[in-house]
Structures are given as C-alpha cells and as structure tokens.
Protein backbone atom coordinates (compact mmCIF):
# COMPACT_ATOMS: atom_id res chain seq x y z
CA MET A 1 125.94 77.50 66.96
CA GLN A 2 123.10 77.59 69.76
CA GLY A 3 123.69 75.73 73.08
CA LEU A 4 122.06 72.16 73.94
CA MET A 5 119.84 73.36 76.83
CA GLN A 6 116.47 72.96 77.04
CA ASP A 7 114.01 75.70 76.36
CA TRP A 8 112.26 76.07 79.55
CA GLN A 9 109.96 79.11 79.91
CA LEU A 10 110.26 81.73 82.65
CA THR A 11 106.78 81.62 83.69
CA THR A 12 105.29 82.63 86.98
CA ASP A 13 103.20 79.35 87.46
CA ARG A 14 106.70 77.60 87.71
CA ILE A 15 106.96 79.48 91.07
CA LEU A 16 104.43 78.10 92.88
CA ARG A 17 104.73 74.65 91.35
CA HIS A 18 108.58 74.83 93.13
CA ALA A 19 107.14 75.90 96.45
CA LYS A 20 104.35 73.40 96.34
CA ILE A 21 107.21 70.77 95.67
CA ASN A 22 109.75 71.78 98.07
CA HIS A 23 108.33 73.87 100.51
CA PRO A 24 104.90 72.47 100.69
CA ASN A 25 104.01 73.22 104.86
CA ARG A 26 105.77 76.76 104.85
CA THR A 27 103.24 78.98 106.08
CA ILE A 28 101.35 81.97 104.83
CA VAL A 29 99.43 84.27 107.83
CA SER A 30 97.14 86.92 106.98
CA ARG A 31 95.07 89.25 109.07
CA GLN A 32 91.77 89.14 107.86
CA VAL A 33 89.60 92.32 107.45
CA ASP A 34 87.49 91.52 110.84
CA GLY A 35 91.15 91.65 112.53
CA SER A 36 90.98 87.48 112.75
CA ILE A 37 94.36 85.32 111.68
CA THR A 38 93.92 82.70 109.20
CA ARG A 39 96.64 80.66 108.58
CA THR A 40 97.62 78.13 105.33
CA THR A 41 100.52 77.05 103.29
CA TYR A 42 102.51 76.92 99.86
CA GLY A 43 100.73 73.60 99.10
CA GLU A 44 97.33 74.89 99.79
CA VAL A 45 97.31 77.94 98.20
CA TYR A 46 98.89 76.16 95.29
CA ASP A 47 95.95 73.48 95.13
CA ARG A 48 93.34 76.50 95.60
CA ALA A 49 94.86 78.77 92.98
CA ARG A 50 94.79 75.76 90.54
CA ARG A 51 90.90 75.25 91.23
CA LEU A 52 90.47 78.79 91.00
CA SER A 53 92.11 79.05 87.69
CA SER A 54 89.90 76.23 86.11
CA ALA A 55 86.52 77.66 87.81
CA LEU A 56 87.58 81.22 86.26
CA VAL A 57 88.49 79.32 82.50
CA ALA A 58 85.17 77.55 82.80
CA ARG A 59 83.40 81.40 83.26
CA GLY A 60 85.57 82.13 80.13
CA MET A 61 88.95 83.55 81.68
CA LYS A 62 91.31 83.15 78.64
CA LEU A 63 94.93 84.40 77.83
CA GLY A 64 95.28 88.21 77.75
CA ASP A 65 92.39 89.03 79.48
CA ARG A 66 92.86 91.50 82.30
CA ILE A 67 91.50 90.21 85.44
CA GLY A 68 90.90 93.27 88.03
CA THR A 69 91.89 92.72 91.96
CA MET A 70 91.49 95.30 94.56
CA ALA A 71 92.33 93.83 98.23
CA TRP A 72 94.63 94.41 101.11
CA ASN A 73 97.81 91.55 101.36
CA ASN A 74 96.01 88.06 102.18
CA ALA A 75 96.44 84.69 100.80
CA ARG A 76 93.29 85.02 98.79
CA HIS A 77 94.85 87.72 96.99
CA MET A 78 98.07 85.69 96.57
CA GLU A 79 95.94 82.45 95.38
CA ALA A 80 93.88 85.21 92.96
CA TRP A 81 97.10 86.32 91.51
CA TYR A 82 98.67 82.67 90.69
CA ALA A 83 95.13 81.73 89.42
CA ILE A 84 94.87 84.84 86.96
CA MET A 85 98.82 84.61 85.94
CA GLY A 86 98.69 80.21 85.77
CA VAL A 87 96.82 80.50 82.07
CA GLY A 88 98.46 83.51 80.83
CA ALA A 89 95.28 86.35 81.88
CA ILE A 90 96.84 89.22 83.42
CA CYS A 91 96.73 90.30 86.76
CA HIS A 92 95.81 93.65 87.19
CA THR A 93 96.24 95.47 90.76
CA LEU A 94 94.35 98.58 91.33
CA ASN A 95 95.39 100.67 94.44
CA PRO A 96 91.85 101.65 96.29
CA ARG A 97 93.10 104.82 97.88
CA LEU A 98 92.91 106.37 94.26
CA HIS A 99 90.14 108.98 93.49
CA PRO A 100 86.89 107.25 91.90
CA ASP A 101 87.65 109.17 88.64
CA GLN A 102 90.88 107.73 88.72
CA LEU A 103 89.65 104.09 89.54
CA LYS A 104 86.83 104.29 86.51
CA TYR A 105 89.30 105.35 84.01
CA ILE A 106 92.00 102.77 84.99
CA ALA A 107 89.56 99.93 84.73
CA ASN A 108 87.84 100.84 81.95
CA HIS A 109 91.26 101.66 79.96
CA ALA A 110 92.56 98.30 81.07
CA GLY A 111 89.39 96.39 80.08
CA ASP A 112 89.01 94.39 83.30
CA SER A 113 86.78 91.60 82.25
CA ILE A 114 86.71 90.29 86.26
CA PHE A 115 87.36 91.89 89.24
CA PHE A 116 88.19 90.79 92.86
CA VAL A 117 87.33 92.76 95.88
CA ASP A 118 87.82 92.40 99.41
CA LEU A 119 85.12 93.28 101.67
CA SER A 120 86.80 96.77 102.56
CA PHE A 121 86.25 98.10 99.25
CA VAL A 122 82.51 96.86 97.97
CA SER A 123 80.80 100.01 98.33
CA GLN A 124 83.61 101.77 96.46
CA LEU A 125 82.36 99.57 93.26
CA GLU A 126 78.78 100.01 94.00
CA ALA A 127 79.32 103.48 93.84
CA VAL A 128 80.91 103.56 90.34
CA GLN A 129 80.05 100.30 88.60
CA ASP A 130 77.31 101.48 86.73
CA GLU A 131 80.68 103.50 84.86
CA LEU A 132 82.59 100.34 84.67
CA THR A 133 81.81 99.36 80.79
CA THR A 134 83.84 95.77 80.64
CA ILE A 135 83.28 94.22 84.00
CA GLY A 136 81.10 91.09 83.69
CA LEU A 137 81.51 89.88 87.03
CA TYR A 138 82.59 90.43 90.68
CA VAL A 139 84.14 88.18 92.88
CA ILE A 140 83.97 89.22 96.71
CA MET A 141 86.89 87.63 98.31
CA CYS A 142 85.53 86.14 101.15
CA GLY A 143 83.36 82.80 102.35
CA PRO A 144 79.78 82.78 102.45
CA ASP A 145 78.81 83.12 105.59
CA GLU A 146 80.76 86.84 105.21
CA MET A 147 79.25 87.85 102.01
CA PRO A 148 77.44 91.27 102.15
CA GLU A 149 74.14 92.37 100.68
CA THR A 150 75.64 94.41 97.64
CA THR A 151 74.33 96.11 94.93
CA LEU A 152 77.19 94.90 92.72
CA LYS A 153 75.62 92.93 89.57
CA ASN A 154 76.47 89.44 88.41
CA VAL A 155 78.32 88.79 91.86
CA ILE A 156 79.75 85.65 93.38
CA CYS A 157 81.73 84.88 96.52
CA PHE A 158 85.09 83.78 96.63
CA GLU A 159 84.91 80.55 98.20
CA THR A 160 81.83 79.59 96.10
CA LEU A 161 83.48 80.41 92.87
CA LEU A 162 86.23 78.24 94.56
CA GLU A 163 84.07 75.25 94.62
CA GLU A 164 83.27 75.46 91.02
CA GLY A 165 86.58 74.46 90.24
CA ASP A 166 88.30 71.40 90.18
CA GLY A 167 92.18 71.90 89.30
CA ASP A 168 92.23 70.18 86.12
CA VAL A 169 93.99 72.96 84.20
CA VAL A 170 96.59 73.58 82.13
CA TRP A 171 99.01 76.35 84.11
CA GLY A 172 101.80 77.77 81.54
CA ASP A 173 102.41 76.50 78.03
CA PHE A 174 102.92 80.02 76.45
CA ASP A 175 105.81 82.27 76.11
CA GLU A 176 107.57 83.51 78.68
CA ASN A 177 107.16 87.05 77.37
CA THR A 178 103.72 86.48 77.44
CA ALA A 179 101.76 89.65 79.68
CA CYS A 180 101.45 88.79 83.33
CA GLY A 181 100.53 91.69 85.16
CA LEU A 182 99.50 95.26 84.93
CA CYS A 183 100.31 98.25 87.38
CA TYR A 184 98.99 101.80 86.70
CA THR A 185 101.61 104.68 88.04
CA SER A 186 100.49 107.51 90.12
CA GLY A 187 104.52 108.98 89.21
CA THR A 188 103.06 110.62 85.86
CA THR A 189 101.28 113.54 84.90
CA GLY A 190 97.92 113.66 83.59
CA ASN A 191 95.91 110.05 83.68
CA PRO A 192 98.01 107.40 85.62
CA LYS A 193 99.37 104.64 82.95
CA GLY A 194 99.80 101.51 82.85
CA VAL A 195 103.11 99.16 83.21
CA LEU A 196 102.45 95.97 81.46
CA TYR A 197 104.78 92.82 83.10
CA SER A 198 105.96 89.57 81.55
CA HIS A 199 106.34 86.44 83.35
CA ARG A 200 110.10 86.53 82.34
CA SER A 201 110.46 90.08 83.82
CA ASN A 202 108.65 88.97 87.29
CA THR A 203 110.05 85.67 87.47
CA LEU A 204 113.85 87.49 86.95
CA MET A 205 112.95 90.06 89.42
CA GLY A 206 111.57 87.70 91.97
CA MET A 207 115.16 85.84 91.33
CA THR A 208 117.09 88.91 91.65
CA ALA A 209 115.09 90.48 94.79
CA GLY A 210 116.06 87.20 97.20
CA LEU A 211 119.96 87.49 96.12
CA PRO A 212 122.32 88.54 98.76
CA GLY A 213 123.13 91.62 97.49
CA CYS A 214 119.11 92.28 97.52
CA MET A 215 116.99 91.07 100.26
CA GLY A 216 119.38 88.08 100.71
CA VAL A 217 116.37 85.71 102.12
CA ASP A 218 115.64 81.66 102.56
CA GLY A 219 113.44 79.37 103.94
CA ASN A 220 114.92 80.24 107.45
CA ASP A 221 113.03 83.96 106.99
CA THR A 222 109.80 84.97 107.79
CA CYS A 223 108.85 88.21 106.43
CA LEU A 224 106.18 90.73 107.19
CA MET A 225 104.71 91.87 103.72
CA VAL A 226 103.71 95.24 104.78
CA VAL A 227 103.95 97.08 101.01
CA PRO A 228 100.66 96.00 99.35
CA MET A 229 100.13 93.97 96.57
CA PHE A 230 99.10 96.59 94.65
CA HIS A 231 101.96 98.74 94.72
CA ALA A 232 104.48 97.23 91.80
CA ASN A 233 104.47 93.47 92.99
CA ALA A 234 104.52 94.11 96.31
CA TRP A 235 108.44 94.86 95.65
CA ALA A 236 108.48 91.11 94.06
CA ILE A 237 108.16 89.62 97.60
CA THR A 238 105.23 87.74 96.08
CA PHE A 239 107.55 85.85 93.84
CA THR A 240 110.70 85.84 96.30
CA ALA A 241 108.91 84.32 98.92
CA PRO A 242 107.70 80.87 97.20
CA MET A 243 111.12 80.81 95.41
CA THR A 244 113.06 80.32 98.81
CA GLY A 245 110.47 78.62 100.99
CA MET A 246 110.37 82.05 103.30
CA ASN A 247 107.23 82.20 105.17
CA LEU A 248 105.02 85.31 104.48
CA VAL A 249 102.89 86.98 106.89
CA MET A 250 99.91 89.55 105.35
CA PRO A 251 99.17 92.51 107.93
CA GLY A 252 95.53 92.79 105.65
CA PRO A 253 93.85 96.10 106.47
CA MET A 254 95.40 96.97 110.27
CA MET A 255 99.18 98.97 109.29
CA ASP A 256 99.26 101.02 112.91
CA GLY A 257 102.02 100.52 114.86
CA ALA A 258 100.24 98.23 117.27
CA SER A 259 99.42 96.16 114.89
CA ILE A 260 102.44 95.63 112.99
CA TYR A 261 104.17 94.91 116.32
CA GLN A 262 102.09 92.15 116.98
CA LEU A 263 102.57 90.37 114.01
CA LEU A 264 106.35 91.19 114.33
CA ASP A 265 106.49 89.59 117.56
CA GLU A 266 104.00 86.88 117.26
CA GLU A 267 104.82 85.21 114.38
CA LYS A 268 109.05 86.09 114.64
CA CYS A 269 109.43 87.63 111.62
CA THR A 270 113.32 88.39 110.76
CA LEU A 271 112.40 90.69 108.08
CA SER A 272 109.92 93.26 106.82
CA ALA A 273 109.48 95.87 103.90
CA ALA A 274 107.75 99.10 103.75
CA VAL A 275 107.31 102.42 103.46
CA PRO A 276 108.90 105.35 105.99
CA THR A 277 105.57 106.26 107.56
CA VAL A 278 105.03 102.57 108.65
CA TRP A 279 108.04 102.44 110.07
CA LEU A 280 107.26 105.93 112.10
CA MET A 281 103.98 104.58 113.25
CA LEU A 282 106.18 101.66 114.69
CA LEU A 283 108.85 103.61 116.15
CA ASN A 284 106.42 106.06 118.14
CA TYR A 285 104.43 102.86 119.40
CA LEU A 286 107.53 101.09 120.47
CA GLU A 287 108.50 104.62 122.04
CA GLU A 288 105.45 104.27 124.42
CA SER A 289 105.22 100.51 124.50
CA GLY A 290 109.01 99.79 125.40
CA HIS A 291 108.75 96.90 123.59
CA LYS A 292 111.72 95.42 121.94
CA LEU A 293 112.28 93.60 118.17
CA PRO A 294 113.96 90.48 119.32
CA HIS A 295 113.20 88.80 115.75
CA LEU A 296 113.47 91.18 113.40
CA ARG A 297 116.91 91.20 111.65
CA GLU A 298 115.94 93.62 108.79
CA VAL A 299 113.71 96.22 107.25
CA VAL A 300 113.97 97.19 104.05
CA ILE A 301 112.81 100.61 103.07
CA GLY A 302 111.40 102.14 99.82
CA GLY A 303 108.80 104.52 98.67
CA SER A 304 110.48 107.74 99.46
CA ALA A 305 113.64 108.65 100.77
CA CYS A 306 114.57 107.25 104.52
CA PRO A 307 115.21 109.74 107.23
CA ARG A 308 118.26 109.45 109.00
CA ALA A 309 116.39 109.62 112.13
CA ILE A 310 114.81 106.22 111.57
CA MET A 311 117.73 104.36 110.60
CA GLU A 312 119.71 105.57 113.41
CA THR A 313 117.08 104.47 115.71
CA PHE A 314 116.33 100.95 114.07
CA ASP A 315 120.20 100.59 114.64
CA LYS A 316 121.04 101.87 117.81
CA LYS A 317 117.71 101.33 119.93
CA TYR A 318 116.58 97.66 118.26
CA GLY A 319 119.73 96.22 116.89
CA VAL A 320 117.46 96.50 113.32
CA THR A 321 119.34 96.90 109.97
CA VAL A 322 117.59 99.01 107.63
CA ILE A 323 118.26 98.36 103.81
CA HIS A 324 117.32 101.36 101.98
CA ALA A 325 115.74 100.57 98.51
CA TRP A 326 114.62 102.70 95.19
CA GLY A 327 112.50 101.61 92.36
CA MET A 328 109.61 102.52 90.47
CA THR A 329 106.62 100.63 89.05
CA GLU A 330 108.76 100.61 85.93
CA THR A 331 111.35 99.09 87.19
CA SER A 332 109.21 95.96 88.44
CA PRO A 333 109.99 97.46 91.01
CA LEU A 334 113.65 97.01 92.49
CA GLY A 335 116.25 99.58 90.99
CA THR A 336 118.59 99.68 93.73
CA MET A 337 119.39 98.40 97.47
CA SER A 338 122.05 99.77 99.33
CA ARG A 339 123.91 97.69 101.38
CA ILE A 340 127.80 98.01 102.94
CA GLU A 341 129.92 96.16 100.63
CA PRO A 342 134.13 95.26 101.42
CA GLU A 343 135.60 98.41 100.37
CA LEU A 344 133.56 100.33 103.09
CA ALA A 345 133.68 97.52 106.13
CA ASP A 346 136.84 99.69 107.84
CA LEU A 347 134.35 103.39 107.68
CA ASP A 348 133.10 103.81 111.29
CA TYR A 349 129.71 104.38 111.90
CA ASP A 350 128.30 107.47 110.49
CA GLN A 351 130.49 107.12 107.60
CA GLN A 352 128.64 104.18 106.68
CA LEU A 353 125.34 105.49 107.61
CA SER A 354 125.98 108.03 105.15
CA VAL A 355 126.65 105.42 102.69
CA ARG A 356 123.50 103.22 103.71
CA LEU A 357 121.25 106.72 103.28
CA LYS A 358 121.81 106.33 99.67
CA GLN A 359 119.45 104.55 97.49
CA GLY A 360 122.11 101.98 96.56
CA LYS A 361 123.30 99.66 94.11
CA THR A 362 121.82 98.13 91.04
CA PRO A 363 121.57 94.33 90.67
CA PHE A 364 122.68 92.70 87.68
CA VAL A 365 119.47 92.65 85.93
CA ILE A 366 119.20 96.71 85.55
CA GLU A 367 121.99 99.46 84.20
CA MET A 368 122.09 102.95 85.44
CA ARG A 369 123.50 106.10 84.27
CA ILE A 370 122.94 109.92 84.97
CA VAL A 371 123.09 112.45 81.98
CA ASP A 372 122.70 116.27 82.01
CA ASP A 373 119.67 118.06 80.00
CA GLU A 374 121.24 117.23 76.44
CA GLY A 375 121.57 113.62 77.03
CA LYS A 376 125.27 113.77 77.57
CA GLU A 377 126.66 111.07 80.66
CA LEU A 378 128.21 112.68 83.96
CA PRO A 379 130.73 111.20 85.63
CA ARG A 380 130.13 108.83 88.49
CA ASP A 381 132.01 110.54 90.96
CA GLY A 382 129.99 111.05 93.99
CA ILE A 383 129.41 114.75 93.11
CA ALA A 384 127.80 115.65 89.62
CA PHE A 385 124.03 115.05 89.65
CA GLY A 386 121.78 115.07 86.49
CA ASN A 387 118.90 112.96 85.44
CA LEU A 388 118.68 109.51 86.63
CA MET A 389 118.34 106.61 82.98
CA VAL A 390 117.88 103.08 83.49
CA ARG A 391 117.49 100.02 81.12
CA GLY A 392 117.35 96.23 81.67
CA PRO A 393 115.08 93.30 81.11
CA ILE A 394 113.04 94.33 84.54
CA VAL A 395 112.45 97.89 82.84
CA SER A 396 109.25 98.98 80.72
CA ARG A 397 109.44 99.52 77.03
CA GLY A 398 106.01 101.04 76.71
CA TYR A 399 102.95 101.83 78.27
CA PHE A 400 99.73 99.79 78.06
CA GLY A 401 97.74 100.93 75.08
CA GLY A 402 100.49 102.87 73.98
CA GLU A 403 99.84 105.76 76.18
CA ASP A 404 102.93 108.49 75.63
CA GLY A 405 104.41 106.52 72.57
CA ASP A 406 107.73 105.48 72.78
CA ILE A 407 108.99 106.22 76.10
CA LEU A 408 112.91 105.20 75.58
CA ASP A 409 115.40 107.29 74.19
CA ALA A 410 117.86 105.91 71.08
CA ASP A 411 119.87 103.88 73.11
CA GLY A 412 117.07 102.19 75.12
CA TRP A 413 116.99 104.13 78.22
CA PHE A 414 113.88 105.27 80.25
CA ASP A 415 114.13 108.58 82.24
CA THR A 416 113.19 108.02 85.32
CA GLY A 417 112.40 111.72 86.31
CA ASP A 418 114.39 111.64 89.28
CA VAL A 419 117.65 114.02 89.78
CA ALA A 420 120.73 111.72 91.06
CA THR A 421 124.65 111.27 91.71
CA ILE A 422 126.30 108.20 91.44
CA ASP A 423 129.51 107.33 92.88
CA PRO A 424 132.72 105.61 91.52
CA LEU A 425 131.47 102.65 93.53
CA GLY A 426 128.02 102.47 91.68
CA TYR A 427 125.95 103.89 94.65
CA MET A 428 123.12 106.11 93.59
CA GLN A 429 121.52 108.73 95.86
CA ILE A 430 118.35 110.53 94.51
CA THR A 431 118.95 114.20 95.27
CA ASP A 432 115.12 115.32 94.12
CA ARG A 433 112.45 114.50 91.58
CA SER A 434 113.23 116.47 88.51
CA LYS A 435 109.53 118.46 89.36
CA ASP A 436 110.67 119.11 92.73
CA VAL A 437 114.60 120.11 92.53
CA ILE A 438 114.47 123.73 93.61
CA LYS A 439 116.63 125.90 91.06
CA SER A 440 117.77 128.96 93.01
CA GLY A 441 120.55 131.18 91.30
CA GLY A 442 121.69 128.85 88.67
CA GLU A 443 122.30 125.86 91.99
CA TRP A 444 120.37 123.09 92.84
CA ILE A 445 118.70 122.65 96.37
CA SER A 446 117.37 118.86 96.98
CA SER A 447 114.49 118.81 98.40
CA ILE A 448 114.68 115.92 100.21
CA ASP A 449 118.00 116.60 101.63
CA LEU A 450 116.56 119.56 103.37
CA GLU A 451 113.35 117.26 104.51
CA ASN A 452 115.43 115.20 106.29
CA ALA A 453 117.70 117.61 107.51
CA ALA A 454 114.49 118.74 109.25
CA LEU A 455 112.85 115.95 110.12
CA ASP A 456 115.57 115.37 112.57
CA HIS A 457 114.23 118.66 114.66
CA PRO A 458 112.83 116.90 117.82
CA ALA A 459 109.98 118.63 117.43
CA ALA A 460 108.98 117.89 113.55
CA ALA A 461 106.35 115.08 112.42
CA GLU A 462 106.76 115.59 109.05
CA CYS A 463 107.96 117.72 106.78
CA ALA A 464 107.62 118.97 103.02
CA VAL A 465 110.12 121.70 101.08
CA ILE A 466 108.96 122.96 98.01
CA GLY A 467 110.08 125.95 95.65
CA MET A 468 108.53 129.27 95.59
CA PRO A 469 108.81 132.18 93.02
CA HIS A 470 111.42 134.52 94.10
CA PRO A 471 112.49 137.42 91.79
CA LYS A 472 116.35 137.18 92.07
CA TRP A 473 116.89 133.69 92.60
CA ASP A 474 113.99 132.30 90.61
CA GLU A 475 113.23 129.62 93.28
CA ARG A 476 113.60 129.65 96.94
CA PRO A 477 112.73 126.70 99.34
CA LEU A 478 109.90 126.72 101.74
CA LEU A 479 109.95 124.41 104.42
CA ILE A 480 106.08 123.03 105.19
CA VAL A 481 106.14 120.99 108.98
CA VAL A 482 103.50 119.44 110.84
CA LEU A 483 104.47 119.26 114.68
CA LYS A 484 104.38 116.07 116.88
CA GLU A 485 101.10 116.46 119.18
CA GLY A 486 102.04 118.23 122.15
CA MET A 487 104.91 120.00 120.82
CA SER A 488 105.56 123.55 119.72
CA ALA A 489 108.46 125.51 118.05
CA THR A 490 109.10 128.95 115.74
CA ALA A 491 110.39 129.47 112.38
CA GLU A 492 113.51 130.50 114.02
CA ASP A 493 113.81 127.06 116.01
CA PHE A 494 113.99 125.01 112.76
CA LYS A 495 116.30 127.70 111.34
CA GLU A 496 118.70 127.89 114.16
CA PHE A 497 118.73 123.82 114.12
CA LEU A 498 119.54 123.14 110.31
CA THR A 499 122.49 126.03 110.67
CA GLY A 500 125.72 123.97 110.06
CA LYS A 501 123.47 120.83 109.15
CA ILE A 502 123.24 122.33 105.19
CA ALA A 503 124.63 124.82 102.86
CA LYS A 504 123.97 128.25 104.12
CA TRP A 505 122.41 128.90 100.51
CA TRP A 506 120.11 125.95 101.23
CA MET A 507 118.36 127.59 104.28
CA PRO A 508 114.68 127.73 103.68
CA ASP A 509 113.25 131.40 103.24
CA ASP A 510 110.35 130.92 105.39
CA VAL A 511 109.14 128.18 107.62
CA VAL A 512 105.33 127.24 107.86
CA PHE A 513 103.37 125.21 110.67
CA VAL A 514 100.43 122.90 109.09
CA ASP A 515 97.96 120.56 110.49
CA ASP A 516 98.80 118.26 108.05
CA ILE A 517 100.99 117.43 104.60
CA PRO A 518 98.89 115.74 101.84
CA HIS A 519 99.53 112.28 100.29
CA GLY A 520 99.22 110.49 97.24
CA PRO A 521 97.54 107.22 96.97
CA THR A 522 100.70 105.38 97.37
CA GLY A 523 101.66 107.31 100.31
CA LYS A 524 104.02 109.58 99.13
CA ILE A 525 104.23 113.79 99.92
CA SER A 526 101.87 115.30 97.39
CA LYS A 527 104.01 118.19 95.96
CA LEU A 528 101.34 118.86 93.41
CA ASP A 529 98.72 119.25 95.85
CA LEU A 530 100.90 121.85 98.32
CA ARG A 531 101.82 123.57 95.36
CA LYS A 532 98.06 124.34 94.92
CA ARG A 533 97.41 124.83 98.63
CA PHE A 534 100.78 127.87 98.30
CA GLU A 535 99.55 129.14 95.26
CA GLY A 536 99.75 132.77 95.85
CA TYR A 537 101.90 132.53 98.78
CA VAL A 538 104.82 135.19 98.86
CA LEU A 539 107.98 134.49 100.57
CA PRO A 540 108.69 137.05 103.52
CA THR A 541 111.79 137.78 101.53
CA VAL A 542 110.36 139.44 98.34
CA LYS A 543 109.81 143.05 99.02
CA ASN A 544 105.87 144.80 98.37
CA THR A 545 104.31 141.46 98.53
CA GLY A 546 101.20 141.80 99.78
CA GLY A 547 100.94 137.89 100.01
CA LYS A 548 98.84 135.93 102.34
CA LYS A 549 99.84 132.61 104.02
CA PRO A 550 97.30 130.06 103.16
CA ALA A 551 94.74 128.55 105.68
CA GLY A 552 95.21 126.70 107.78
CA SER A 553 98.77 127.69 108.47
CA LYS A 554 100.13 129.01 112.07
CA GLU A 555 102.83 130.10 113.57
CA LYS A 556 103.95 128.08 116.71
CA LYS A 557 104.88 129.64 120.14
CA LYS A 558 108.09 127.94 121.42
CA LYS A 559 107.31 125.64 124.74
CA LYS A 560 109.10 123.15 126.62
CA LYS A 561 110.04 120.15 124.49
CA ARG A 562 109.09 116.98 125.70
CA PHE A 563 111.30 113.90 125.06
CA SER A 564 111.36 112.84 121.35
CA LEU A 565 111.59 109.49 119.98
CA PHE A 566 114.84 110.54 118.40
CA GLY A 567 116.58 111.62 121.64
CA LYS A 568 117.55 114.80 120.28
C-alpha cells in the first residue's frame, strides 16, 4: 500500500518560483566586471529567467541539451542557471582558470550547444573556438552598450537575447531525476570527469544546506557568496538562498581583501563562504586597515583544510565563527560541516577548537565510513584512519559519458580518495589525500596536519608538504615554505618551531623556501606540480646524494621578525 500524498516532483524551477511568491523583494547584489554594483530581486530574476528560457527554447534549446557557462558570480549568471534548468536542459559550468586544452576537452566532451560567457573570458573562447565542435551560439553576458568587438561566430548580447523572450514557457513538467547540472571535477587523474546532477539531488542539497546543523540560514541573513558558481553548485547556496529568502551578494571578479571587506561591510553580510586563501587575504587587509566585521556572524570554509590560525583570529579578534566544511564535486558538494553539539558544550575553548578544526558530521542525505585497503570497515574511535567512503542521494553513481566505468563498490559506496578518521560522535577529520599521505617506516604522516602546524609560524605565508624518497624509511617529509613579504627565517627556525607541536618522527627532513607554491584551477595547492618541480631533489638525510635543490629555492637568513597577523 502506498501513501496518498501528491506526486510533487522536486525540480529546481520550483525553488525560484517559491522565491518569486514568498520572497519577491529580497535582494541580489552583484559586482560587475567593471567594478560597478547592480541590484535586483528574486522576483525580477524569476521574470527575467523565464524570458531568457523562452528565448532559448525559440532558438532550439530542448530537454537534455548541455548549455555551457563561463562566468563570475552575478545575477545574470543566476538567471542563466534557472533559465536553462527550468526546461530540462543541463547547466554546464566551466572553470575559467583551467588550461585551454582542458577547456576544449570539457566543452567538447559535454557537447555544449550554447555557451554563456562573461566579458572577462571572451578572449579565452576566441582563442579556442575553432576547436569547439558543438557550440552553435555564444551569449556574451552584458548589455548592448558593453558589447565588445569579438571574433566569436554567431554571437549575441545577453540583454538582446532576453528581449527575444516573452516568458511564455513551461517550466518543470518532467521527472525529478532528470539531469540538471554538469560540473567537471579536477580532483582526478587524467582528463577531468563530469558529475551530472539531477533536479532531485540539487533540490535535496539546497534544502539540506539551509538546515541548522549546516548553514542554518533564513530570510534575516545576507550571504556574500564568494565560492564560485563554477565550483560544484557554489556549495548549494544558489539553491538554498532562494529557498530561504536569504539575500545574496555576489563579488564578481574582485576577491581581494579590500573588495571583500567593502561588500561585507556595506551590504551588512551575516554569512559568507569561500576557500582559506580568500580569508587569508581578508585577514591581512583587516590587520593593515584596522577595520572590524560588525555584521558578519559566520564564515564557511571548505575546499581545503582550514588552518588553526585563521579560525582563532576570526574567533578572538573579530567575533566571527568559522564553520569548517568538507565535500567534493561528487557529493553535490556539502558532505560534512563541523559545529559544536550539546555533548561538547562544556569543553574549554581549545578543546572545542580541536573539534571545530575537524571536517565535521554528515547531514541526513549522506552516509560515511572508513575502510582499510581490503575494504574492511574500521572503528569510529577517532584513532583508526582509513579510506573515506560515502553514499547517499546527493552522491554521484557514475561520471558523464561513462568515464571510469562503475565507480561504486558492491554496496554502493564511493571512494573519495581521502584518508580520514571518524570519532564516536561522528566527527570526521581528513588526514590526507590517499595520494598525498606520506608513508614513512610503515607509518603514515598527514601532510595536511604538518602543513597547518608549519603555517602557524609567524613568518609563514603558505606551506606545503610532500613525501620524498628515502632508502630506509620509504618516504620522508619535505616542507616547502613561502615567507611573508619582508620576513625571513631558516630551516632550523621552522624545525625549532615545530618541536613539541608534532610527533618527533613527523619532523621534516628538510625545509625549502620558494617564491611561490603552485595552485590548481580550484585554488588548492597542486601537489602534482610540486612533485614535478622537486623531481630529482634528494633529502640531506640521504647520504652520498649528489642531489640538487630545484631552481628558485633559496635559504633565508634570519632577521628581526615583524608583528604577525596571528600574534606569534
């Protein structure tokens, strides 16, 4: 016997329709490419998205078509999202920071038929358009007065295309499991692989992200959405905000500390979300300027591990709570969030901070476990660590086009590629990526924990750790450091600083100072590029080496240290 409830499909068009009916005057603030600020509302975005949708349908867009976007966070991008998804086409967001070869591969593999592009990225597409074999129409996201001279073929201005529509279009009217969005992950080896979201999965993710155990937002909040819309659904904020009536502020291309502070202050933002590098820039700006953050309540930090110093500085100096999060493109993307629950309320600050620095607990829509290399489940004791596995209605069960074949095990678990522990209360902590963990003498060293410990050094601007070959121990850690401008330190300074903060056998065998550390297109440190850079480097603990340090590395002599942002 089945229940007697209405069969109401969870399609994303209902999200924006809900906002139009219940939150029509809540605002969306966008910084444009030229730095100007524009304002709109959910009601206006709904009306314009329907007009855009009808114009696209008139030009041939249909159910299942892939429509590419390469744009900053702004209201036009959001209108394009909902216009595409509303009729069952697939919104395919591309990361403009990718190498041109990857952009070509992704657009062609996806089979994009129409492509929306912000002014900033027109030249990137012009350079590769002859090799983009499926795109029949380019839409430049600007008004007629901003339309650039371009060599793109069959191109139209966003606002001109919008004028072709009349809003007379049917949204929804298809199964909730219909494909909705497509995002290619850079977290794999070989070519990027496409994660194909459904209307159901995105709606569930949007509902989940707004819950108290996650972001816990409502119409009283204003969110500065720094995390890009081309990073796995902008951590579901583009769905959660119109569901809850939360105001949105979108920073466009300007994500330096001063620009982020301006929006946080002038728009009275209560919430924001971004990767750690953004918050380092903001905290440095605040230290230099003396500004405070009177409106900001919480920041969500994900993408890579949050350094302890960032969390402490937000807490103690600005009264802002950091919520540590973890997820991946394959998990839609929020997999865990770390909040202090009642069982831990009586712990002192440092004890609570240690818990908050973990990646956190899963929401209802995802299950998690750790297993050993033979697939045996390991205890949730906070000590055992193993391969992190996830499953649930927001977790991918395959890649677009069948790439990599069956990616789940026999019980439906997806291997995240992370190594983690889970404690008895369910708090998960990433100890490393499985490909980055350092295996020394049969034991594992967490490169993430070692990096974060080194980053607390007052002279450290950025740190990375990779494993280097060792004839006795298999691998030993090499600490790579970028120093803050105007500051100096030696390898011995860092080793002395780390003494007592890490296990003795974790101590790096060497510390190398460099001008820069390479990052991937999503802002994460590229360990692959670091390994290439240090290929052939031999640790000083290896006798009879004859090895050389890579070009660009240097030893810094110790000088008087200036005041550090983190008060060390």
